[in-house]
Amino acid sequence: REACSADIAELTWQLKMRRDQLPQVRDRLTRTEVLNRRLKEDIDFMRKHGPLVHERLQLESEIMKQIRTAQSE
């Protein structure tokens, strides 16, 4: 009987600890979901606009080369 009482007390304590942690875990989950959603939006944006950004970067690099060439002449 004493062993069962000790086991029940231990399980009750563990349950209370887990219950107390639940709001923190839910909060972390919510923050993680928000960050995950933002990351997916950023990935989608880069998939959609990445080629245009790359093209513009190449164009600007070419313009910078032309400017340097003109300055050296």
N, C-alpha and C. Protein backbone atom coordinates (compact mmCIF):
# COMPACT_ATOMS: atom_id res chain seq x y z
N ARG A 1 0.83 -1.20 0.00
CA ARG A 1 0.00 0.00 0.00
C ARG A 1 0.86 1.25 0.00
N GLU A 2 1.91 1.26 0.82
CA GLU A 2 2.80 2.43 0.86
C GLU A 2 3.52 2.63 -0.46
N ALA A 3 3.92 1.53 -1.07
CA ALA A 3 4.61 1.62 -2.36
C ALA A 3 3.68 2.19 -3.42
N CYS A 4 2.43 1.75 -3.42
CA CYS A 4 1.45 2.28 -4.37
C CYS A 4 1.20 3.76 -4.11
N SER A 5 1.10 4.13 -2.84
CA SER A 5 0.88 5.54 -2.49
C SER A 5 2.04 6.40 -2.97
N ALA A 6 3.27 5.90 -2.80
CA ALA A 6 4.45 6.65 -3.25
C ALA A 6 4.44 6.78 -4.77
N ASP A 7 4.10 5.69 -5.46
CA ASP A 7 4.03 5.73 -6.92
C ASP A 7 2.97 6.71 -7.40
N ILE A 8 1.81 6.68 -6.77
CA ILE A 8 0.73 7.60 -7.13
C ILE A 8 1.15 9.04 -6.88
N ALA A 9 1.81 9.29 -5.76
CA ALA A 9 2.29 10.65 -5.45
C ALA A 9 3.29 11.11 -6.50
N GLU A 10 4.20 10.23 -6.89
CA GLU A 10 5.20 10.56 -7.91
C GLU A 10 4.52 10.86 -9.25
N LEU A 11 3.58 10.02 -9.65
CA LEU A 11 2.88 10.24 -10.91
C LEU A 11 2.05 11.53 -10.88
N THR A 12 1.43 11.80 -9.75
CA THR A 12 0.66 13.03 -9.60
C THR A 12 1.57 14.24 -9.72
N TRP A 13 2.74 14.17 -9.11
CA TRP A 13 3.71 15.28 -9.19
C TRP A 13 4.17 15.49 -10.63
N GLN A 14 4.49 14.38 -11.32
CA GLN A 14 4.93 14.49 -12.72
C GLN A 14 3.83 15.06 -13.61
N LEU A 15 2.60 14.64 -13.36
CA LEU A 15 1.47 15.16 -14.13
C LEU A 15 1.30 16.66 -13.92
N LYS A 16 1.43 17.10 -12.68
CA LYS A 16 1.32 18.52 -12.37
C LYS A 16 2.43 19.31 -13.06
N MET A 17 3.65 18.77 -13.05
CA MET A 17 4.77 19.45 -13.71
C MET A 17 4.50 19.58 -15.21
N ARG A 18 4.02 18.52 -15.82
CA ARG A 18 3.72 18.56 -17.25
C ARG A 18 2.60 19.54 -17.55
N ARG A 19 1.60 19.56 -16.71
CA ARG A 19 0.47 20.47 -16.89
C ARG A 19 0.94 21.92 -16.77
N ASP A 20 1.86 22.18 -15.83
CA ASP A 20 2.40 23.53 -15.67
C ASP A 20 3.24 23.96 -16.87
N GLN A 21 3.87 23.00 -17.54
CA GLN A 21 4.70 23.31 -18.70
C GLN A 21 3.88 23.51 -19.97
N LEU A 22 2.66 23.03 -19.99
CA LEU A 22 1.84 23.06 -21.19
C LEU A 22 1.68 24.46 -21.80
N PRO A 23 1.37 25.52 -21.03
CA PRO A 23 1.25 26.85 -21.66
C PRO A 23 2.55 27.31 -22.31
N GLN A 24 3.69 27.01 -21.69
CA GLN A 24 4.97 27.40 -22.27
C GLN A 24 5.22 26.66 -23.58
N VAL A 25 4.89 25.39 -23.60
CA VAL A 25 5.09 24.59 -24.81
C VAL A 25 4.17 25.07 -25.92
N ARG A 26 2.93 25.39 -25.58
CA ARG A 26 1.99 25.91 -26.59
C ARG A 26 2.48 27.24 -27.14
N ASP A 27 3.02 28.09 -26.26
CA ASP A 27 3.53 29.39 -26.69
C ASP A 27 4.72 29.21 -27.64
N ARG A 28 5.62 28.31 -27.29
CA ARG A 28 6.76 28.02 -28.16
C ARG A 28 6.30 27.46 -29.51
N LEU A 29 5.29 26.60 -29.47
CA LEU A 29 4.76 26.03 -30.70
C LEU A 29 4.17 27.13 -31.59
N THR A 30 3.42 28.04 -30.99
CA THR A 30 2.82 29.14 -31.75
C THR A 30 3.91 30.00 -32.39
N ARG A 31 4.94 30.35 -31.61
CA ARG A 31 6.04 31.16 -32.16
C ARG A 31 6.75 30.42 -33.28
N THR A 32 6.96 29.13 -33.11
CA THR A 32 7.62 28.34 -34.14
C THR A 32 6.78 28.28 -35.41
N GLU A 33 5.47 28.15 -35.26
CA GLU A 33 4.60 28.12 -36.43
C GLU A 33 4.63 29.44 -37.18
N VAL A 34 4.66 30.56 -36.44
CA VAL A 34 4.73 31.88 -37.07
C VAL A 34 6.04 32.03 -37.84
N LEU A 35 7.15 31.64 -37.19
CA LEU A 35 8.45 31.74 -37.86
C LEU A 35 8.52 30.83 -39.07
N ASN A 36 7.94 29.65 -38.96
CA ASN A 36 7.92 28.71 -40.08
C ASN A 36 7.12 29.28 -41.25
N ARG A 37 6.00 29.91 -40.95
CA ARG A 37 5.16 30.51 -41.99
C ARG A 37 5.93 31.64 -42.69
N ARG A 38 6.63 32.48 -41.91
CA ARG A 38 7.42 33.57 -42.51
C ARG A 38 8.53 33.02 -43.39
N LEU A 39 9.18 31.96 -42.91
CA LEU A 39 10.25 31.35 -43.69
C LEU A 39 9.72 30.79 -45.00
N LYS A 40 8.57 30.15 -44.97
CA LYS A 40 7.96 29.63 -46.20
C LYS A 40 7.61 30.77 -47.15
N GLU A 41 7.13 31.89 -46.61
CA GLU A 41 6.82 33.04 -47.45
C GLU A 41 8.09 33.58 -48.10
N ASP A 42 9.18 33.64 -47.34
CA ASP A 42 10.46 34.11 -47.90
C ASP A 42 10.96 33.16 -48.99
N ILE A 43 10.82 31.87 -48.75
CA ILE A 43 11.25 30.88 -49.75
C ILE A 43 10.41 31.02 -51.02
N ASP A 44 9.10 31.16 -50.86
CA ASP A 44 8.22 31.34 -52.02
C ASP A 44 8.57 32.61 -52.79
N PHE A 45 8.87 33.69 -52.05
CA PHE A 45 9.24 34.95 -52.69
C PHE A 45 10.51 34.77 -53.52
N MET A 46 11.51 34.09 -52.93
CA MET A 46 12.77 33.90 -53.65
C MET A 46 12.59 32.98 -54.85
N ARG A 47 11.73 31.98 -54.72
CA ARG A 47 11.48 31.11 -55.88
C ARG A 47 10.84 31.90 -57.02
N LYS A 48 9.96 32.80 -56.64
CA LYS A 48 9.24 33.58 -57.65
C LYS A 48 10.11 34.69 -58.22
N HIS A 49 10.83 35.42 -57.34
CA HIS A 49 11.55 36.62 -57.79
C HIS A 49 13.06 36.44 -57.87
N GLY A 50 13.57 35.30 -57.45
CA GLY A 50 15.01 35.06 -57.45
C GLY A 50 15.66 35.26 -58.81
N PRO A 51 15.09 34.71 -59.88
CA PRO A 51 15.71 34.92 -61.19
C PRO A 51 15.78 36.40 -61.59
N LEU A 52 14.77 37.17 -61.25
CA LEU A 52 14.80 38.60 -61.56
C LEU A 52 15.88 39.32 -60.76
N VAL A 53 16.02 38.95 -59.51
CA VAL A 53 17.06 39.56 -58.66
C VAL A 53 18.43 39.21 -59.21
N HIS A 54 18.62 37.97 -59.60
CA HIS A 54 19.90 37.54 -60.17
C HIS A 54 20.20 38.30 -61.46
N GLU A 55 19.19 38.44 -62.30
CA GLU A 55 19.36 39.16 -63.57
C GLU A 55 19.74 40.62 -63.32
N ARG A 56 19.08 41.23 -62.36
CA ARG A 56 19.39 42.63 -62.06
C ARG A 56 20.80 42.77 -61.49
N LEU A 57 21.20 41.84 -60.66
CA LEU A 57 22.55 41.87 -60.10
C LEU A 57 23.59 41.77 -61.21
N GLN A 58 23.35 40.90 -62.18
CA GLN A 58 24.28 40.78 -63.30
C GLN A 58 24.33 42.08 -64.10
N LEU A 59 23.17 42.68 -64.32
CA LEU A 59 23.09 43.93 -65.06
C LEU A 59 23.86 45.03 -64.34
N GLU A 60 23.65 45.13 -63.02
CA GLU A 60 24.35 46.16 -62.24
C GLU A 60 25.85 45.91 -62.22
N SER A 61 26.25 44.65 -62.18
CA SER A 61 27.69 44.33 -62.23
C SER A 61 28.29 44.77 -63.56
N GLU A 62 27.56 44.54 -64.63
CA GLU A 62 28.03 44.96 -65.96
C GLU A 62 28.14 46.49 -66.04
N ILE A 63 27.17 47.18 -65.49
CA ILE A 63 27.20 48.65 -65.49
C ILE A 63 28.39 49.14 -64.68
N MET A 64 28.66 48.50 -63.53
CA MET A 64 29.81 48.90 -62.71
C MET A 64 31.12 48.70 -63.47
N LYS A 65 31.21 47.60 -64.23
CA LYS A 65 32.41 47.37 -65.05
C LYS A 65 32.58 48.50 -66.08
N GLN A 66 31.47 48.87 -66.70
CA GLN A 66 31.51 49.94 -67.71
C GLN A 66 31.94 51.25 -67.08
N ILE A 67 31.45 51.53 -65.88
CA ILE A 67 31.81 52.77 -65.18
C ILE A 67 33.31 52.76 -64.85
N ARG A 68 33.80 51.64 -64.33
CA ARG A 68 35.23 51.56 -64.00
C ARG A 68 36.10 51.71 -65.26
N THR A 69 35.66 51.11 -66.34
CA THR A 69 36.40 51.22 -67.60
C THR A 69 36.41 52.67 -68.05
N ALA A 70 35.27 53.33 -67.98
CA ALA A 70 35.18 54.74 -68.40
C ALA A 70 36.02 55.63 -67.50
N GLN A 71 36.08 55.35 -66.22
CA GLN A 71 36.88 56.15 -65.29
C GLN A 71 38.37 55.98 -65.54
N SER A 72 38.77 54.78 -65.88
CA SER A 72 40.19 54.55 -66.11
C SER A 72 40.66 55.15 -67.42
N GLU A 73 39.75 55.37 -68.35
CA GLU A 73 40.12 55.96 -69.66
C GLU A 73 40.20 57.42 -69.57
